[in-house]
Amino acid sequence: MNNNETTVPHMILEQFPHIGEAIELPDEVKGDLTAEHNFLFPIIMKEYKKEWAIVCEEVDKGIEAGTLVFNGETGTITKV
C-alpha cells in the first residue's frame, strides 16, 4: 500500500477518532486497504452520514485544488 493512498472511510476514521473507537475491524481485513474500505463503507454510510458528507466535501475541494486524486475504479484517494 502506498502511504499516500487512502479512502474516504479511512479519512473519516482519522478525522473522527470516536468513530474508529466504535468500529472494530475484523482481523481478516486489517492491513488491507481495500478490504478495510469494503468493511467500513456500509457502516459509515449508514451510521455516520454527517461525517461522510464533511469528508467528501473536503475530498472534492482537494481534487479541485489538485492536492488529491480520486480513483473511481478502486475508491482510493491519493494525496499528492
PDB file of N, CA and C in Angstrom:
ATOM      1  N   MET A   1       0.846  -1.194   0.000  1.00  0.00           N
ATOM      2  CA  MET A   1       0.000   0.000   0.000  1.00  0.00           C
ATOM      3  C   MET A   1       0.882   1.244   0.000  1.00  0.00           C
ATOM      4  N   ASN A   2       0.518   2.180  -0.800  1.00  0.00           N
ATOM      5  CA  ASN A   2       1.191   3.470  -0.890  1.00  0.00           C
ATOM      6  C   ASN A   2       0.802   4.306   0.332  1.00  0.00           C
ATOM      7  N   ASN A   3       1.777   4.887   1.026  1.00  0.00           N
ATOM      8  CA  ASN A   3       1.490   5.691   2.217  1.00  0.00           C
ATOM      9  C   ASN A   3       0.658   6.926   1.899  1.00  0.00           C
ATOM     10  N   ASN A   4       0.644   7.341   0.640  1.00  0.00           N
ATOM     11  CA  ASN A   4      -0.153   8.498   0.245  1.00  0.00           C
ATOM     12  C   ASN A   4      -1.543   8.095  -0.209  1.00  0.00           C
ATOM     13  N   GLU A   5      -1.851   6.814  -0.125  1.00  0.00           N
ATOM     14  CA  GLU A   5      -3.133   6.304  -0.603  1.00  0.00           C
ATOM     15  C   GLU A   5      -4.059   6.042   0.577  1.00  0.00           C
ATOM     16  N   THR A   6      -5.318   6.415   0.404  1.00  0.00           N
ATOM     17  CA  THR A   6      -6.304   6.241   1.465  1.00  0.00           C
ATOM     18  C   THR A   6      -7.675   6.078   0.829  1.00  0.00           C
ATOM     19  N   THR A   7      -8.700   6.041   1.648  1.00  0.00           N
ATOM     20  CA  THR A   7     -10.084   6.012   1.177  1.00  0.00           C
ATOM     21  C   THR A   7     -10.892   6.972   2.044  1.00  0.00           C
ATOM     22  N   VAL A   8     -12.099   7.282   1.597  1.00  0.00           N
ATOM     23  CA  VAL A   8     -12.947   8.166   2.402  1.00  0.00           C
ATOM     24  C   VAL A   8     -13.193   7.570   3.787  1.00  0.00           C
ATOM     25  N   PRO A   9     -13.551   6.276   3.914  1.00  0.00           N
ATOM     26  CA  PRO A   9     -13.742   5.742   5.267  1.00  0.00           C
ATOM     27  C   PRO A   9     -12.503   5.879   6.153  1.00  0.00           C
ATOM     28  N   HIS A  10     -11.317   5.689   5.584  1.00  0.00           N
ATOM     29  CA  HIS A  10     -10.101   5.838   6.382  1.00  0.00           C
ATOM     30  C   HIS A  10      -9.887   7.291   6.799  1.00  0.00           C
ATOM     31  N   MET A  11     -10.209   8.217   5.910  1.00  0.00           N
ATOM     32  CA  MET A  11     -10.092   9.635   6.254  1.00  0.00           C
ATOM     33  C   MET A  11     -11.061   9.984   7.379  1.00  0.00           C
ATOM     34  N   ILE A  12     -12.235   9.384   7.357  1.00  0.00           N
ATOM     35  CA  ILE A  12     -13.218   9.624   8.418  1.00  0.00           C
ATOM     36  C   ILE A  12     -12.677   9.111   9.750  1.00  0.00           C
ATOM     37  N   LEU A  13     -12.082   7.923   9.739  1.00  0.00           N
ATOM     38  CA  LEU A  13     -11.517   7.383  10.981  1.00  0.00           C
ATOM     39  C   LEU A  13     -10.406   8.276  11.519  1.00  0.00           C
ATOM     40  N   GLU A  14      -9.603   8.851  10.613  1.00  0.00           N
ATOM     41  CA  GLU A  14      -8.525   9.743  11.030  1.00  0.00           C
ATOM     42  C   GLU A  14      -9.073  11.032  11.639  1.00  0.00           C
ATOM     43  N   GLN A  15     -10.094  11.590  11.025  1.00  0.00           N
ATOM     44  CA  GLN A  15     -10.612  12.885  11.459  1.00  0.00           C
ATOM     45  C   GLN A  15     -11.598  12.798  12.617  1.00  0.00           C
ATOM     46  N   PHE A  16     -12.217  11.644  12.778  1.00  0.00           N
ATOM     47  CA  PHE A  16     -13.214  11.478  13.838  1.00  0.00           C
ATOM     48  C   PHE A  16     -12.868  10.229  14.650  1.00  0.00           C
ATOM     49  N   PRO A  17     -11.916  10.351  15.576  1.00  0.00           N
ATOM     50  CA  PRO A  17     -11.427   9.186  16.332  1.00  0.00           C
ATOM     51  C   PRO A  17     -12.529   8.410  17.055  1.00  0.00           C
ATOM     52  N   HIS A  18     -13.610   9.079  17.445  1.00  0.00           N
ATOM     53  CA  HIS A  18     -14.681   8.367  18.142  1.00  0.00           C
ATOM     54  C   HIS A  18     -15.319   7.296  17.251  1.00  0.00           C
ATOM     55  N   ILE A  19     -15.281   7.511  15.934  1.00  0.00           N
ATOM     56  CA  ILE A  19     -15.830   6.508  15.022  1.00  0.00           C
ATOM     57  C   ILE A  19     -14.908   5.295  14.979  1.00  0.00           C
ATOM     58  N   GLY A  20     -13.608   5.556  14.895  1.00  0.00           N
ATOM     59  CA  GLY A  20     -12.649   4.459  14.913  1.00  0.00           C
ATOM     60  C   GLY A  20     -12.733   3.639  16.180  1.00  0.00           C
ATOM     61  N   GLU A  21     -13.040   4.301  17.282  1.00  0.00           N
ATOM     62  CA  GLU A  21     -13.178   3.597  18.554  1.00  0.00           C
ATOM     63  C   GLU A  21     -14.460   2.771  18.602  1.00  0.00           C
ATOM     64  N   ALA A  22     -15.470   3.187  17.838  1.00  0.00           N
ATOM     65  CA  ALA A  22     -16.762   2.498  17.854  1.00  0.00           C
ATOM     66  C   ALA A  22     -16.824   1.312  16.899  1.00  0.00           C
ATOM     67  N   ILE A  23     -15.910   1.276  15.928  1.00  0.00           N
ATOM     68  CA  ILE A  23     -15.927   0.207  14.925  1.00  0.00           C
ATOM     69  C   ILE A  23     -14.678  -0.649  15.088  1.00  0.00           C
ATOM     70  N   GLU A  24     -14.890  -1.943  15.263  1.00  0.00           N
ATOM     71  CA  GLU A  24     -13.757  -2.860  15.373  1.00  0.00           C
ATOM     72  C   GLU A  24     -13.579  -3.601  14.049  1.00  0.00           C
ATOM     73  N   LEU A  25     -12.401  -3.438  13.469  1.00  0.00           N
ATOM     74  CA  LEU A  25     -12.102  -4.135  12.224  1.00  0.00           C
ATOM     75  C   LEU A  25     -11.823  -5.611  12.508  1.00  0.00           C
ATOM     76  N   PRO A  26     -12.419  -6.496  11.735  1.00  0.00           N
ATOM     77  CA  PRO A  26     -12.095  -7.921  11.896  1.00  0.00           C
ATOM     78  C   PRO A  26     -10.637  -8.176  11.503  1.00  0.00           C
ATOM     79  N   ASP A  27     -10.023  -9.127  12.158  1.00  0.00           N
ATOM     80  CA  ASP A  27      -8.613  -9.435  11.883  1.00  0.00           C
ATOM     81  C   ASP A  27      -8.364  -9.748  10.411  1.00  0.00           C
ATOM     82  N   GLU A  28      -9.326 -10.395   9.750  1.00  0.00           N
ATOM     83  CA  GLU A  28      -9.113 -10.813   8.363  1.00  0.00           C
ATOM     84  C   GLU A  28      -9.067  -9.650   7.367  1.00  0.00           C
ATOM     85  N   VAL A  29      -9.471  -8.443   7.771  1.00  0.00           N
ATOM     86  CA  VAL A  29      -9.391  -7.294   6.860  1.00  0.00           C
ATOM     87  C   VAL A  29      -8.303  -6.303   7.259  1.00  0.00           C
ATOM     88  N   LYS A  30      -7.826  -6.398   8.482  1.00  0.00           N
ATOM     89  CA  LYS A  30      -6.824  -5.448   8.968  1.00  0.00           C
ATOM     90  C   LYS A  30      -5.580  -5.448   8.091  1.00  0.00           C
ATOM     91  N   GLY A  31      -5.154  -4.242   7.726  1.00  0.00           N
ATOM     92  CA  GLY A  31      -3.933  -4.097   6.948  1.00  0.00           C
ATOM     93  C   GLY A  31      -4.129  -4.137   5.452  1.00  0.00           C
ATOM     94  N   ASP A  32      -5.338  -4.446   4.995  1.00  0.00           N
ATOM     95  CA  ASP A  32      -5.647  -4.485   3.564  1.00  0.00           C
ATOM     96  C   ASP A  32      -6.573  -3.305   3.271  1.00  0.00           C
ATOM     97  N   LEU A  33      -6.037  -2.284   2.612  1.00  0.00           N
ATOM     98  CA  LEU A  33      -6.780  -1.038   2.390  1.00  0.00           C
ATOM     99  C   LEU A  33      -8.137  -1.297   1.749  1.00  0.00           C
ATOM    100  N   THR A  34      -8.168  -2.121   0.717  1.00  0.00           N
ATOM    101  CA  THR A  34      -9.426  -2.387   0.016  1.00  0.00           C
ATOM    102  C   THR A  34     -10.402  -3.165   0.891  1.00  0.00           C
ATOM    103  N   ALA A  35      -9.920  -4.176   1.575  1.00  0.00           N
ATOM    104  CA  ALA A  35     -10.789  -4.974   2.448  1.00  0.00           C
ATOM    105  C   ALA A  35     -11.336  -4.119   3.598  1.00  0.00           C
ATOM    106  N   GLU A  36     -10.492  -3.275   4.160  1.00  0.00           N
ATOM    107  CA  GLU A  36     -10.948  -2.376   5.223  1.00  0.00           C
ATOM    108  C   GLU A  36     -12.009  -1.424   4.680  1.00  0.00           C
ATOM    109  N   HIS A  37     -11.743  -0.870   3.504  1.00  0.00           N
ATOM    110  CA  HIS A  37     -12.706   0.041   2.876  1.00  0.00           C
ATOM    111  C   HIS A  37     -14.047  -0.657   2.680  1.00  0.00           C
ATOM    112  N   ASN A  38     -14.018  -1.865   2.129  1.00  0.00           N
ATOM    113  CA  ASN A  38     -15.258  -2.600   1.867  1.00  0.00           C
ATOM    114  C   ASN A  38     -16.014  -2.921   3.152  1.00  0.00           C
ATOM    115  N   PHE A  39     -15.304  -3.145   4.238  1.00  0.00           N
ATOM    116  CA  PHE A  39     -15.947  -3.399   5.530  1.00  0.00           C
ATOM    117  C   PHE A  39     -16.529  -2.114   6.116  1.00  0.00           C
ATOM    118  N   LEU A  40     -15.744  -1.040   6.064  1.00  0.00           N
ATOM    119  CA  LEU A  40     -16.139   0.224   6.697  1.00  0.00           C
ATOM    120  C   LEU A  40     -17.228   0.975   5.944  1.00  0.00           C
ATOM    121  N   PHE A  41     -17.187   0.921   4.628  1.00  0.00           N
ATOM    122  CA  PHE A  41     -18.074   1.735   3.793  1.00  0.00           C
ATOM    123  C   PHE A  41     -19.549   1.631   4.191  1.00  0.00           C
ATOM    124  N   PRO A  42     -20.149   0.432   4.246  1.00  0.00           N
ATOM    125  CA  PRO A  42     -21.584   0.393   4.576  1.00  0.00           C
ATOM    126  C   PRO A  42     -21.898   0.849   6.000  1.00  0.00           C
ATOM    127  N   ILE A  43     -20.996   0.593   6.918  1.00  0.00           N
ATOM    128  CA  ILE A  43     -21.223   1.008   8.309  1.00  0.00           C
ATOM    129  C   ILE A  43     -21.219   2.532   8.403  1.00  0.00           C
ATOM    130  N   ILE A  44     -20.209   3.138   7.815  1.00  0.00           N
ATOM    131  CA  ILE A  44     -20.091   4.598   7.895  1.00  0.00           C
ATOM    132  C   ILE A  44     -21.220   5.268   7.133  1.00  0.00           C
ATOM    133  N   MET A  45     -21.575   4.737   5.972  1.00  0.00           N
ATOM    134  CA  MET A  45     -22.672   5.324   5.188  1.00  0.00           C
ATOM    135  C   MET A  45     -23.991   5.269   5.963  1.00  0.00           C
ATOM    136  N   LYS A  46     -24.184   4.238   6.733  1.00  0.00           N
ATOM    137  CA  LYS A  46     -25.439   4.074   7.488  1.00  0.00           C
ATOM    138  C   LYS A  46     -25.444   4.870   8.794  1.00  0.00           C
ATOM    139  N   GLU A  47     -24.336   4.801   9.518  1.00  0.00           N
ATOM    140  CA  GLU A  47     -24.308   5.334  10.882  1.00  0.00           C
ATOM    141  C   GLU A  47     -23.693   6.728  11.014  1.00  0.00           C
ATOM    142  N   TYR A  48     -22.902   7.144  10.054  1.00  0.00           N
ATOM    143  CA  TYR A  48     -22.150   8.397  10.202  1.00  0.00           C
ATOM    144  C   TYR A  48     -22.250   9.259   8.941  1.00  0.00           C
ATOM    145  N   LYS A  49     -23.475   9.521   8.504  1.00  0.00           N
ATOM    146  CA  LYS A  49     -23.705  10.270   7.262  1.00  0.00           C
ATOM    147  C   LYS A  49     -23.174  11.694   7.329  1.00  0.00           C
ATOM    148  N   LYS A  50     -23.300  12.318   8.474  1.00  0.00           N
ATOM    149  CA  LYS A  50     -22.825  13.698   8.625  1.00  0.00           C
ATOM    150  C   LYS A  50     -21.316  13.775   8.415  1.00  0.00           C
ATOM    151  N   GLU A  51     -20.590  12.878   9.054  1.00  0.00           N
ATOM    152  CA  GLU A  51     -19.141  12.857   8.933  1.00  0.00           C
ATOM    153  C   GLU A  51     -18.730  12.496   7.507  1.00  0.00           C
ATOM    154  N   TRP A  52     -19.484  11.584   6.879  1.00  0.00           N
ATOM    155  CA  TRP A  52     -19.219  11.207   5.492  1.00  0.00           C
ATOM    156  C   TRP A  52     -19.317  12.448   4.603  1.00  0.00           C
ATOM    157  N   ALA A  53     -20.376  13.224   4.773  1.00  0.00           N
ATOM    158  CA  ALA A  53     -20.582  14.418   3.953  1.00  0.00           C
ATOM    159  C   ALA A  53     -19.450  15.426   4.151  1.00  0.00           C
ATOM    160  N   ILE A  54     -19.006  15.599   5.389  1.00  0.00           N
ATOM    161  CA  ILE A  54     -17.926  16.538   5.682  1.00  0.00           C
ATOM    162  C   ILE A  54     -16.650  16.138   4.958  1.00  0.00           C
ATOM    163  N   VAL A  55     -16.284  14.867   5.065  1.00  0.00           N
ATOM    164  CA  VAL A  55     -15.042  14.395   4.445  1.00  0.00           C
ATOM    165  C   VAL A  55     -15.168  14.415   2.919  1.00  0.00           C
ATOM    166  N   CYS A  56     -16.309  14.043   2.384  1.00  0.00           N
ATOM    167  CA  CYS A  56     -16.484  14.080   0.927  1.00  0.00           C
ATOM    168  C   CYS A  56     -16.347  15.504   0.392  1.00  0.00           C
ATOM    169  N   GLU A  57     -16.832  16.475   1.137  1.00  0.00           N
ATOM    170  CA  GLU A  57     -16.673  17.872   0.718  1.00  0.00           C
ATOM    171  C   GLU A  57     -15.187  18.250   0.716  1.00  0.00           C
ATOM    172  N   GLU A  58     -14.453  17.802   1.726  1.00  0.00           N
ATOM    173  CA  GLU A  58     -13.011  18.063   1.775  1.00  0.00           C
ATOM    174  C   GLU A  58     -12.291  17.387   0.614  1.00  0.00           C
ATOM    175  N   VAL A  59     -12.708  16.171   0.276  1.00  0.00           N
ATOM    176  CA  VAL A  59     -12.105  15.459  -0.853  1.00  0.00           C
ATOM    177  C   VAL A  59     -12.387  16.206  -2.146  1.00  0.00           C
ATOM    178  N   ASP A  60     -13.619  16.648  -2.333  1.00  0.00           N
ATOM    179  CA  ASP A  60     -13.961  17.418  -3.536  1.00  0.00           C
ATOM    180  C   ASP A  60     -13.090  18.664  -3.659  1.00  0.00           C
ATOM    181  N   LYS A  61     -12.888  19.354  -2.547  1.00  0.00           N
ATOM    182  CA  LYS A  61     -12.035  20.548  -2.561  1.00  0.00           C
ATOM    183  C   LYS A  61     -10.588  20.185  -2.880  1.00  0.00           C
ATOM    184  N   GLY A  62     -10.121  19.062  -2.334  1.00  0.00           N
ATOM    185  CA  GLY A  62      -8.760  18.612  -2.603  1.00  0.00           C
ATOM    186  C   GLY A  62      -8.559  18.226  -4.058  1.00  0.00           C
ATOM    187  N   ILE A  63      -9.560  17.591  -4.645  1.00  0.00           N
ATOM    188  CA  ILE A  63      -9.485  17.235  -6.065  1.00  0.00           C
ATOM    189  C   ILE A  63      -9.435  18.510  -6.901  1.00  0.00           C
ATOM    190  N   GLU A  64     -10.287  19.453  -6.566  1.00  0.00           N
ATOM    191  CA  GLU A  64     -10.322  20.731  -7.286  1.00  0.00           C
ATOM    192  C   GLU A  64      -8.992  21.476  -7.160  1.00  0.00           C
ATOM    193  N   ALA A  65      -8.387  21.430  -5.989  1.00  0.00           N
ATOM    194  CA  ALA A  65      -7.124  22.132  -5.746  1.00  0.00           C
ATOM    195  C   ALA A  65      -5.915  21.374  -6.301  1.00  0.00           C
ATOM    196  N   GLY A  66      -6.128  20.116  -6.677  1.00  0.00           N
ATOM    197  CA  GLY A  66      -5.020  19.321  -7.199  1.00  0.00           C
ATOM    198  C   GLY A  66      -4.172  18.659  -6.132  1.00  0.00           C
ATOM    199  N   THR A  67      -4.645  18.634  -4.884  1.00  0.00           N
ATOM    200  CA  THR A  67      -3.884  18.001  -3.810  1.00  0.00           C
ATOM    201  C   THR A  67      -4.306  16.550  -3.576  1.00  0.00           C
ATOM    202  N   LEU A  68      -5.440  16.156  -4.160  1.00  0.00           N
ATOM    203  CA  LEU A  68      -5.939  14.790  -4.052  1.00  0.00           C
ATOM    204  C   LEU A  68      -6.345  14.290  -5.435  1.00  0.00           C
ATOM    205  N   VAL A  69      -6.151  13.003  -5.651  1.00  0.00           N
ATOM    206  CA  VAL A  69      -6.587  12.361  -6.887  1.00  0.00           C
ATOM    207  C   VAL A  69      -7.466  11.180  -6.488  1.00  0.00           C
ATOM    208  N   PHE A  70      -8.678  11.136  -7.044  1.00  0.00           N
ATOM    209  CA  PHE A  70      -9.617  10.061  -6.726  1.00  0.00           C
ATOM    210  C   PHE A  70      -9.645   9.047  -7.858  1.00  0.00           C
ATOM    211  N   ASN A  71      -9.522   7.777  -7.509  1.00  0.00           N
ATOM    212  CA  ASN A  71      -9.620   6.691  -8.474  1.00  0.00           C
ATOM    213  C   ASN A  71     -10.985   6.047  -8.293  1.00  0.00           C
ATOM    214  N   GLY A  72     -11.889   6.318  -9.211  1.00  0.00           N
ATOM    215  CA  GLY A  72     -13.247   5.809  -9.114  1.00  0.00           C
ATOM    216  C   GLY A  72     -13.348   4.295  -9.217  1.00  0.00           C
ATOM    217  N   GLU A  73     -12.386   3.660  -9.866  1.00  0.00           N
ATOM    218  CA  GLU A  73     -12.418   2.205 -10.004  1.00  0.00           C
ATOM    219  C   GLU A  73     -12.102   1.498  -8.706  1.00  0.00           C
ATOM    220  N   THR A  74     -11.142   2.049  -7.949  1.00  0.00           N
ATOM    221  CA  THR A  74     -10.719   1.389  -6.706  1.00  0.00           C
ATOM    222  C   THR A  74     -11.287   2.063  -5.454  1.00  0.00           C
ATOM    223  N   GLY A  75     -11.798   3.288  -5.602  1.00  0.00           N
ATOM    224  CA  GLY A  75     -12.282   4.028  -4.446  1.00  0.00           C
ATOM    225  C   GLY A  75     -11.166   4.642  -3.629  1.00  0.00           C
ATOM    226  N   THR A  76      -9.951   4.607  -4.150  1.00  0.00           N
ATOM    227  CA  THR A  76      -8.825   5.142  -3.394  1.00  0.00           C
ATOM    228  C   THR A  76      -8.584   6.613  -3.724  1.00  0.00           C
ATOM    229  N   ILE A  77      -7.990   7.287  -2.765  1.00  0.00           N
ATOM    230  CA  ILE A  77      -7.630   8.686  -2.887  1.00  0.00           C
ATOM    231  C   ILE A  77      -6.125   8.765  -2.671  1.00  0.00           C
ATOM    232  N   THR A  78      -5.438   9.436  -3.589  1.00  0.00           N
ATOM    233  CA  THR A  78      -4.004   9.614  -3.450  1.00  0.00           C
ATOM    234  C   THR A  78      -3.722  11.056  -3.098  1.00  0.00           C
ATOM    235  N   LYS A  79      -2.964  11.224  -2.027  1.00  0.00           N
ATOM    236  CA  LYS A  79      -2.540  12.573  -1.615  1.00  0.00           C
ATOM    237  C   LYS A  79      -1.288  12.926  -2.404  1.00  0.00           C
ATOM    238  N   VAL A  80      -1.352  14.034  -3.161  1.00  0.00           N
ATOM    239  CA  VAL A  80      -0.203  14.449  -3.984  1.00  0.00           C
ATOM    240  C   VAL A  80       0.462  15.670  -3.430  1.00  0.00           C
TER     241      VAL A  80
END
